[in-house]
Structure formats: C-alpha cells, structure tokens
Amino acid sequence: MDSDQREHISAVINYFWGEGTTSPESVNEGMASIAYEALEEAQNCSATMDLVPRHISGRPNGKYIIKQVSKIGKRIASGDTQLYEACRQRVAINFRNQMEMAKQGL
C-alpha cells in the first residue's frame, strides 16, 4: 500500500470506530479488509433504509403514499450513497472485534 492509500483507509477506519482508532502508518491489509466489509454492509443497510417510508401517525392517505414513494424513487435515481448514522453505528459494533484483531495482526 502506498501512503495515500494508507491515509484514506485510515480515514474510513476512524469514521466507523472513532478518531484515533488508527493512523496511516499502522494500517495493514487485515484492517483494510475489515474496513471494506464494513463499508459494504453499511451501504447495504443504507440502501435498505432508503426504501423505508417515513413514519406518519394514523393511516396514510393517497397523497402521502405518492409523496413518500416519489421521495424514495428520487433518492434511488440520484444515486444517493450517504450512510445513515444508524447503519454506521451498527456496522461499527458488528465489526469492532474483527478490527481490533486485525490491528494486532491476527
């Protein structure tokens, strides 16, 4: 890995597990692999969240349904790949132990 790759991988790891989790100098292939899996899972989670209509109290009417489905379609069509915070947090928890082991070279 070159220094730019290490820096960017470090940024991904610190995004999921908090600033100071790693530095570019300490990134290894195992950590990069776990970060890749975490990104993949977070993107899948976020894509699924895009398909969930927003909550409404009571029974939704036709206008509300059309508006919600239209918004979901707009997000899908625009290629919005923003991660939902709930997805980021869940992925961080799911992969925490694996990342710790990868940091130790295990």
C-alpha atoms as a PDB file:
ATOM      1  CA  MET A   1       0.000   0.000   0.000  1.00  0.00           C
ATOM      2  CA  ASP A   2       1.240   3.460  -0.776  1.00  0.00           C
ATOM      3  CA  SER A   3       0.998   6.354   1.699  1.00  0.00           C
ATOM      4  CA  ASP A   4      -2.121   7.874   0.076  1.00  0.00           C
ATOM      5  CA  GLN A   5      -3.941   4.545   0.255  1.00  0.00           C
ATOM      6  CA  ARG A   6      -2.964   4.129   3.915  1.00  0.00           C
ATOM      7  CA  GLU A   7      -4.218   7.640   4.685  1.00  0.00           C
ATOM      8  CA  HIS A   8      -7.581   7.035   3.025  1.00  0.00           C
ATOM      9  CA  ILE A   9      -8.033   3.609   4.618  1.00  0.00           C
ATOM     10  CA  SER A  10      -7.213   5.160   7.985  1.00  0.00           C
ATOM     11  CA  ALA A  11      -9.926   7.782   7.371  1.00  0.00           C
ATOM     12  CA  VAL A  12     -12.508   5.045   6.739  1.00  0.00           C
ATOM     13  CA  ILE A  13     -11.491   3.141   9.881  1.00  0.00           C
ATOM     14  CA  ASN A  14     -11.618   6.289  12.003  1.00  0.00           C
ATOM     15  CA  TYR A  15     -15.037   7.151  10.507  1.00  0.00           C
ATOM     16  CA  PHE A  16     -16.501   3.887  11.773  1.00  0.00           C
ATOM     17  CA  TRP A  17     -14.611   3.363  15.039  1.00  0.00           C
ATOM     18  CA  GLY A  18     -13.733   6.907  16.095  1.00  0.00           C
ATOM     19  CA  GLU A  19     -10.880   9.329  15.641  1.00  0.00           C
ATOM     20  CA  GLY A  20      -7.611   7.928  16.895  1.00  0.00           C
ATOM     21  CA  THR A  21      -8.512   4.301  16.201  1.00  0.00           C
ATOM     22  CA  THR A  22      -5.628   4.093  13.770  1.00  0.00           C
ATOM     23  CA  SER A  23      -3.074   6.146  11.934  1.00  0.00           C
ATOM     24  CA  PRO A  24      -1.973   5.762   8.320  1.00  0.00           C
ATOM     25  CA  GLU A  25       1.314   4.253   9.473  1.00  0.00           C
ATOM     26  CA  SER A  26      -0.367   1.425  11.375  1.00  0.00           C
ATOM     27  CA  VAL A  27      -2.870   0.361   8.674  1.00  0.00           C
ATOM     28  CA  ASN A  28      -2.384  -3.219   7.495  1.00  0.00           C
ATOM     29  CA  GLU A  29      -4.097  -5.410   4.890  1.00  0.00           C
ATOM     30  CA  GLY A  30      -6.289  -7.097   7.502  1.00  0.00           C
ATOM     31  CA  MET A  31      -7.597  -3.735   8.656  1.00  0.00           C
ATOM     32  CA  ALA A  32      -8.264  -2.706   5.049  1.00  0.00           C
ATOM     33  CA  SER A  33     -10.191  -5.933   4.508  1.00  0.00           C
ATOM     34  CA  ILE A  34     -12.385  -5.369   7.597  1.00  0.00           C
ATOM     35  CA  ALA A  35     -12.977  -1.743   6.543  1.00  0.00           C
ATOM     36  CA  TYR A  36     -14.088  -2.981   3.109  1.00  0.00           C
ATOM     37  CA  GLU A  37     -16.564  -5.426   4.669  1.00  0.00           C
ATOM     38  CA  ALA A  38     -17.859  -2.702   6.985  1.00  0.00           C
ATOM     39  CA  LEU A  39     -18.374  -0.289   4.088  1.00  0.00           C
ATOM     40  CA  GLU A  40     -20.186  -2.949   2.098  1.00  0.00           C
ATOM     41  CA  GLU A  41     -22.541  -3.744   4.986  1.00  0.00           C
ATOM     42  CA  ALA A  42     -23.172  -0.061   5.728  1.00  0.00           C
ATOM     43  CA  GLN A  43     -24.000   0.645   2.096  1.00  0.00           C
ATOM     44  CA  ASN A  44     -26.432  -2.292   2.007  1.00  0.00           C
ATOM     45  CA  CYS A  45     -28.066  -1.060   5.206  1.00  0.00           C
ATOM     46  CA  SER A  46     -28.347   2.495   3.879  1.00  0.00           C
ATOM     47  CA  ALA A  47     -29.824   1.309   0.582  1.00  0.00           C
ATOM     48  CA  THR A  48     -32.443  -0.603   2.534  1.00  0.00           C
ATOM     49  CA  MET A  49     -33.195   2.418   4.731  1.00  0.00           C
ATOM     50  CA  ASP A  50     -33.833   4.464   1.571  1.00  0.00           C
ATOM     51  CA  LEU A  51     -36.719   2.123   0.817  1.00  0.00           C
ATOM     52  CA  VAL A  52     -38.486   2.671   4.142  1.00  0.00           C
ATOM     53  CA  PRO A  53     -41.286   5.252   4.010  1.00  0.00           C
ATOM     54  CA  ARG A  54     -41.147   7.897   6.711  1.00  0.00           C
ATOM     55  CA  HIS A  55     -43.471   7.462   9.671  1.00  0.00           C
ATOM     56  CA  ILE A  56     -46.873   9.088   9.866  1.00  0.00           C
ATOM     57  CA  SER A  57     -49.408   8.920  12.673  1.00  0.00           C
ATOM     58  CA  GLY A  58     -52.657   7.372  11.563  1.00  0.00           C
ATOM     59  CA  ARG A  59     -53.486   5.748   8.269  1.00  0.00           C
ATOM     60  CA  PRO A  60     -51.625   7.259   5.292  1.00  0.00           C
ATOM     61  CA  ASN A  61     -53.730   8.744   2.509  1.00  0.00           C
ATOM     62  CA  GLY A  62     -53.038   8.536  -1.211  1.00  0.00           C
ATOM     63  CA  LYS A  63     -51.182  11.868  -1.363  1.00  0.00           C
ATOM     64  CA  TYR A  64     -48.855  10.853   1.461  1.00  0.00           C
ATOM     65  CA  ILE A  65     -48.134   7.470  -0.132  1.00  0.00           C
ATOM     66  CA  ILE A  66     -47.366   9.048  -3.505  1.00  0.00           C
ATOM     67  CA  LYS A  67     -45.118  11.657  -1.881  1.00  0.00           C
ATOM     68  CA  GLN A  68     -43.156   9.054   0.116  1.00  0.00           C
ATOM     69  CA  VAL A  69     -42.695   6.634  -2.761  1.00  0.00           C
ATOM     70  CA  SER A  70     -41.684   9.527  -5.007  1.00  0.00           C
ATOM     71  CA  LYS A  71     -39.035  10.667  -2.489  1.00  0.00           C
ATOM     72  CA  ILE A  72     -37.679   7.124  -2.248  1.00  0.00           C
ATOM     73  CA  GLY A  73     -37.512   6.921  -6.041  1.00  0.00           C
ATOM     74  CA  LYS A  74     -35.730  10.263  -6.202  1.00  0.00           C
ATOM     75  CA  ARG A  75     -33.076   9.079  -3.726  1.00  0.00           C
ATOM     76  CA  ILE A  76     -32.585   5.870  -5.689  1.00  0.00           C
ATOM     77  CA  ALA A  77     -32.401   7.670  -9.051  1.00  0.00           C
ATOM     78  CA  SER A  78     -29.910  10.246  -7.771  1.00  0.00           C
ATOM     79  CA  GLY A  79     -27.529   7.528  -6.600  1.00  0.00           C
ATOM     80  CA  ASP A  80     -27.540   8.902  -3.063  1.00  0.00           C
ATOM     81  CA  THR A  81     -24.986   6.742  -1.245  1.00  0.00           C
ATOM     82  CA  GLN A  82     -24.930   8.644   2.011  1.00  0.00           C
ATOM     83  CA  LEU A  83     -24.729   6.318   5.005  1.00  0.00           C
ATOM     84  CA  TYR A  84     -27.392   6.526   7.641  1.00  0.00           C
ATOM     85  CA  GLU A  85     -25.957   7.108  11.105  1.00  0.00           C
ATOM     86  CA  ALA A  86     -27.861   4.092  12.457  1.00  0.00           C
ATOM     87  CA  CYS A  87     -26.202   1.918   9.815  1.00  0.00           C
ATOM     88  CA  ARG A  88     -22.744   3.311  10.570  1.00  0.00           C
ATOM     89  CA  GLN A  89     -23.178   2.660  14.280  1.00  0.00           C
ATOM     90  CA  ARG A  90     -24.472  -0.887  13.792  1.00  0.00           C
ATOM     91  CA  VAL A  91     -21.619  -1.758  11.431  1.00  0.00           C
ATOM     92  CA  ALA A  92     -19.081  -0.319  13.856  1.00  0.00           C
ATOM     93  CA  ILE A  93     -20.454  -2.564  16.606  1.00  0.00           C
ATOM     94  CA  ASN A  94     -20.655  -5.633  14.355  1.00  0.00           C
ATOM     95  CA  PHE A  95     -17.060  -5.340  13.165  1.00  0.00           C
ATOM     96  CA  ARG A  96     -15.412  -3.937  16.324  1.00  0.00           C
ATOM     97  CA  ASN A  97     -13.813  -7.209  17.464  1.00  0.00           C
ATOM     98  CA  GLN A  98     -12.621  -8.104  13.976  1.00  0.00           C
ATOM     99  CA  MET A  99     -10.993  -4.689  13.599  1.00  0.00           C
ATOM    100  CA  GLU A 100      -9.288  -4.983  16.983  1.00  0.00           C
ATOM    101  CA  MET A 101      -7.865  -8.355  15.982  1.00  0.00           C
ATOM    102  CA  ALA A 102      -6.757  -7.020  12.589  1.00  0.00           C
ATOM    103  CA  LYS A 103      -4.991  -4.099  14.312  1.00  0.00           C
ATOM    104  CA  GLN A 104      -2.992  -6.686  16.239  1.00  0.00           C
ATOM    105  CA  GLY A 105      -2.161  -8.547  13.044  1.00  0.00           C
ATOM    106  CA  LEU A 106      -4.313 -11.544  13.945  1.00  0.00           C
END
